[in-house]
Amino acid sequence: MNSPAPKKPEPPKKPDFERSLARLEEVVRRLESPQLSLDDAMKSATADMVSWLDHDYKLTPSEIAQLLGTAAEYKISEVADRNAGIVLKINKDRLKPLLSKAK
């Protein structure tokens, strides 16, 4: 009779502060790179909004997807010298009902 192989222990999760700091360092590295495409700028804006909604409003990934799918407004803030900037906005009126969940 074969016994199942022992499971590998999961690596310890980084504390929220360390994960947030690592994410911030990645954002800074991308912004300081000599080239930022519109695709990269849009991905960055979306990832930052997802992180903020998760942290400040305690939304699930499904709730975040629903909110972004119905309320997200992308604005191109910069396109110069092969660099691009995109801003992702959500109307504050859409966020008010979510405040009770965040508390």
C-alpha atoms as a PDB file:
ATOM      1  CA  MET A   1       0.000   0.000   0.000  1.00  0.00           C
ATOM      2  CA  ASN A   2       1.435   3.360  -1.025  1.00  0.00           C
ATOM      3  CA  SER A   3       1.123   6.241   1.350  1.00  0.00           C
ATOM      4  CA  PRO A   4       0.505   9.680  -0.142  1.00  0.00           C
ATOM      5  CA  ALA A   5       3.521  11.925  -0.416  1.00  0.00           C
ATOM      6  CA  PRO A   6       3.697  14.510   2.340  1.00  0.00           C
ATOM      7  CA  LYS A   7       2.369  17.893   1.319  1.00  0.00           C
ATOM      8  CA  LYS A   8       4.841  20.709   0.965  1.00  0.00           C
ATOM      9  CA  PRO A   9       4.266  23.412   3.524  1.00  0.00           C
ATOM     10  CA  GLU A  10       2.887  26.618   2.054  1.00  0.00           C
ATOM     11  CA  PRO A  11       5.263  29.553   2.196  1.00  0.00           C
ATOM     12  CA  PRO A  12       4.214  32.074   4.818  1.00  0.00           C
ATOM     13  CA  LYS A  13       2.176  34.950   3.477  1.00  0.00           C
ATOM     14  CA  LYS A  14       3.736  38.369   3.664  1.00  0.00           C
ATOM     15  CA  PRO A  15       2.032  40.789   6.016  1.00  0.00           C
ATOM     16  CA  ASP A  16      -0.213  43.370   4.360  1.00  0.00           C
ATOM     17  CA  PHE A  17       2.378  46.107   4.815  1.00  0.00           C
ATOM     18  CA  GLU A  18       5.114  44.126   3.086  1.00  0.00           C
ATOM     19  CA  ARG A  19       2.815  43.171   0.194  1.00  0.00           C
ATOM     20  CA  SER A  20       1.677  46.784  -0.182  1.00  0.00           C
ATOM     21  CA  LEU A  21       5.268  48.019  -0.113  1.00  0.00           C
ATOM     22  CA  ALA A  22       6.311  45.456  -2.721  1.00  0.00           C
ATOM     23  CA  ARG A  23       3.373  46.508  -4.929  1.00  0.00           C
ATOM     24  CA  LEU A  24       4.291  50.191  -4.524  1.00  0.00           C
ATOM     25  CA  GLU A  25       7.914  49.480  -5.444  1.00  0.00           C
ATOM     26  CA  GLU A  26       6.726  47.653  -8.573  1.00  0.00           C
ATOM     27  CA  VAL A  27       4.530  50.621  -9.559  1.00  0.00           C
ATOM     28  CA  VAL A  28       7.436  53.037  -9.068  1.00  0.00           C
ATOM     29  CA  ARG A  29       9.735  50.803 -11.122  1.00  0.00           C
ATOM     30  CA  ARG A  30       7.229  50.720 -13.995  1.00  0.00           C
ATOM     31  CA  LEU A  31       6.617  54.459 -13.868  1.00  0.00           C
ATOM     32  CA  GLU A  32      10.335  55.173 -13.921  1.00  0.00           C
ATOM     33  CA  SER A  33      10.919  52.868 -16.879  1.00  0.00           C
ATOM     34  CA  PRO A  34      11.750  54.662 -20.119  1.00  0.00           C
ATOM     35  CA  GLN A  35       8.594  53.444 -21.815  1.00  0.00           C
ATOM     36  CA  LEU A  36       5.054  52.851 -20.585  1.00  0.00           C
ATOM     37  CA  SER A  37       2.491  51.738 -23.182  1.00  0.00           C
ATOM     38  CA  LEU A  38      -1.232  52.467 -23.044  1.00  0.00           C
ATOM     39  CA  ASP A  39      -1.827  48.784 -22.279  1.00  0.00           C
ATOM     40  CA  ASP A  40       0.622  48.876 -19.379  1.00  0.00           C
ATOM     41  CA  ALA A  41      -0.855  52.130 -18.083  1.00  0.00           C
ATOM     42  CA  MET A  42      -4.383  50.700 -18.219  1.00  0.00           C
ATOM     43  CA  LYS A  43      -3.310  47.502 -16.442  1.00  0.00           C
ATOM     44  CA  SER A  44      -1.560  49.558 -13.779  1.00  0.00           C
ATOM     45  CA  ALA A  45      -4.562  51.850 -13.230  1.00  0.00           C
ATOM     46  CA  THR A  46      -6.882  48.843 -12.958  1.00  0.00           C
ATOM     47  CA  ALA A  47      -4.577  46.943 -10.595  1.00  0.00           C
ATOM     48  CA  ASP A  48      -4.225  50.003  -8.367  1.00  0.00           C
ATOM     49  CA  MET A  49      -8.009  50.473  -8.229  1.00  0.00           C
ATOM     50  CA  VAL A  50      -8.550  46.768  -7.444  1.00  0.00           C
ATOM     51  CA  SER A  51      -6.011  46.986  -4.626  1.00  0.00           C
ATOM     52  CA  TRP A  52      -7.630  50.138  -3.220  1.00  0.00           C
ATOM     53  CA  LEU A  53     -11.169  48.689  -3.362  1.00  0.00           C
ATOM     54  CA  ASP A  54      -9.969  45.486  -1.701  1.00  0.00           C
ATOM     55  CA  HIS A  55      -8.065  47.304   1.050  1.00  0.00           C
ATOM     56  CA  ASP A  56     -10.366  50.254   1.813  1.00  0.00           C
ATOM     57  CA  TYR A  57     -13.784  48.778   0.999  1.00  0.00           C
ATOM     58  CA  LYS A  58     -13.118  45.070   1.721  1.00  0.00           C
ATOM     59  CA  LEU A  59     -14.772  44.006  -1.548  1.00  0.00           C
ATOM     60  CA  THR A  60     -14.498  40.488  -2.923  1.00  0.00           C
ATOM     61  CA  PRO A  61     -12.990  39.959  -6.393  1.00  0.00           C
ATOM     62  CA  SER A  62     -16.500  39.365  -7.750  1.00  0.00           C
ATOM     63  CA  GLU A  63     -17.804  42.615  -6.254  1.00  0.00           C
ATOM     64  CA  ILE A  64     -14.801  44.521  -7.604  1.00  0.00           C
ATOM     65  CA  ALA A  65     -15.369  43.103 -11.093  1.00  0.00           C
ATOM     66  CA  GLN A  66     -19.028  44.093 -10.944  1.00  0.00           C
ATOM     67  CA  LEU A  67     -18.212  47.625  -9.820  1.00  0.00           C
ATOM     68  CA  LEU A  68     -15.481  48.118 -12.421  1.00  0.00           C
ATOM     69  CA  GLY A  69     -17.706  46.683 -15.142  1.00  0.00           C
ATOM     70  CA  THR A  70     -20.503  49.126 -14.414  1.00  0.00           C
ATOM     71  CA  ALA A  71     -18.851  52.258 -13.018  1.00  0.00           C
ATOM     72  CA  ALA A  72     -15.236  52.509 -14.173  1.00  0.00           C
ATOM     73  CA  GLU A  73     -14.246  55.515 -16.266  1.00  0.00           C
ATOM     74  CA  TYR A  74     -10.836  55.449 -17.914  1.00  0.00           C
ATOM     75  CA  LYS A  75      -9.276  58.760 -18.962  1.00  0.00           C
ATOM     76  CA  ILE A  76      -6.026  59.124 -20.869  1.00  0.00           C
ATOM     77  CA  SER A  77      -3.994  61.639 -18.896  1.00  0.00           C
ATOM     78  CA  GLU A  78      -0.771  61.600 -20.903  1.00  0.00           C
ATOM     79  CA  VAL A  79       0.608  60.376 -24.186  1.00  0.00           C
ATOM     80  CA  ALA A  80       4.048  61.855 -24.802  1.00  0.00           C
ATOM     81  CA  ASP A  81       7.537  60.649 -25.575  1.00  0.00           C
ATOM     82  CA  ARG A  82       6.396  57.003 -25.795  1.00  0.00           C
ATOM     83  CA  ASN A  83       4.922  57.256 -22.289  1.00  0.00           C
ATOM     84  CA  ALA A  84       1.260  56.930 -21.457  1.00  0.00           C
ATOM     85  CA  GLY A  85      -0.816  57.682 -18.417  1.00  0.00           C
ATOM     86  CA  ILE A  86      -4.329  56.472 -17.707  1.00  0.00           C
ATOM     87  CA  VAL A  87      -6.535  57.463 -14.791  1.00  0.00           C
ATOM     88  CA  LEU A  88      -9.316  55.177 -13.574  1.00  0.00           C
ATOM     89  CA  LYS A  89     -12.194  56.917 -11.815  1.00  0.00           C
ATOM     90  CA  ILE A  90     -15.336  55.724 -10.072  1.00  0.00           C
ATOM     91  CA  ASN A  91     -18.064  58.195  -9.156  1.00  0.00           C
ATOM     92  CA  LYS A  92     -18.212  58.741  -5.389  1.00  0.00           C
ATOM     93  CA  ASP A  93     -21.980  58.185  -5.425  1.00  0.00           C
ATOM     94  CA  ARG A  94     -21.316  54.563  -6.468  1.00  0.00           C
ATOM     95  CA  LEU A  95     -18.960  54.105  -3.511  1.00  0.00           C
ATOM     96  CA  LYS A  96     -21.213  55.542  -0.758  1.00  0.00           C
ATOM     97  CA  PRO A  97     -23.338  52.377  -0.343  1.00  0.00           C
ATOM     98  CA  LEU A  98     -20.134  50.354   0.078  1.00  0.00           C
ATOM     99  CA  LEU A  99     -18.927  52.292   3.125  1.00  0.00           C
ATOM    100  CA  SER A 100     -21.058  50.227   5.525  1.00  0.00           C
ATOM    101  CA  LYS A 101     -19.336  47.037   4.363  1.00  0.00           C
ATOM    102  CA  ALA A 102     -15.887  48.554   4.881  1.00  0.00           C
ATOM    103  CA  LYS A 103     -16.532  49.300   8.562  1.00  0.00           C
END
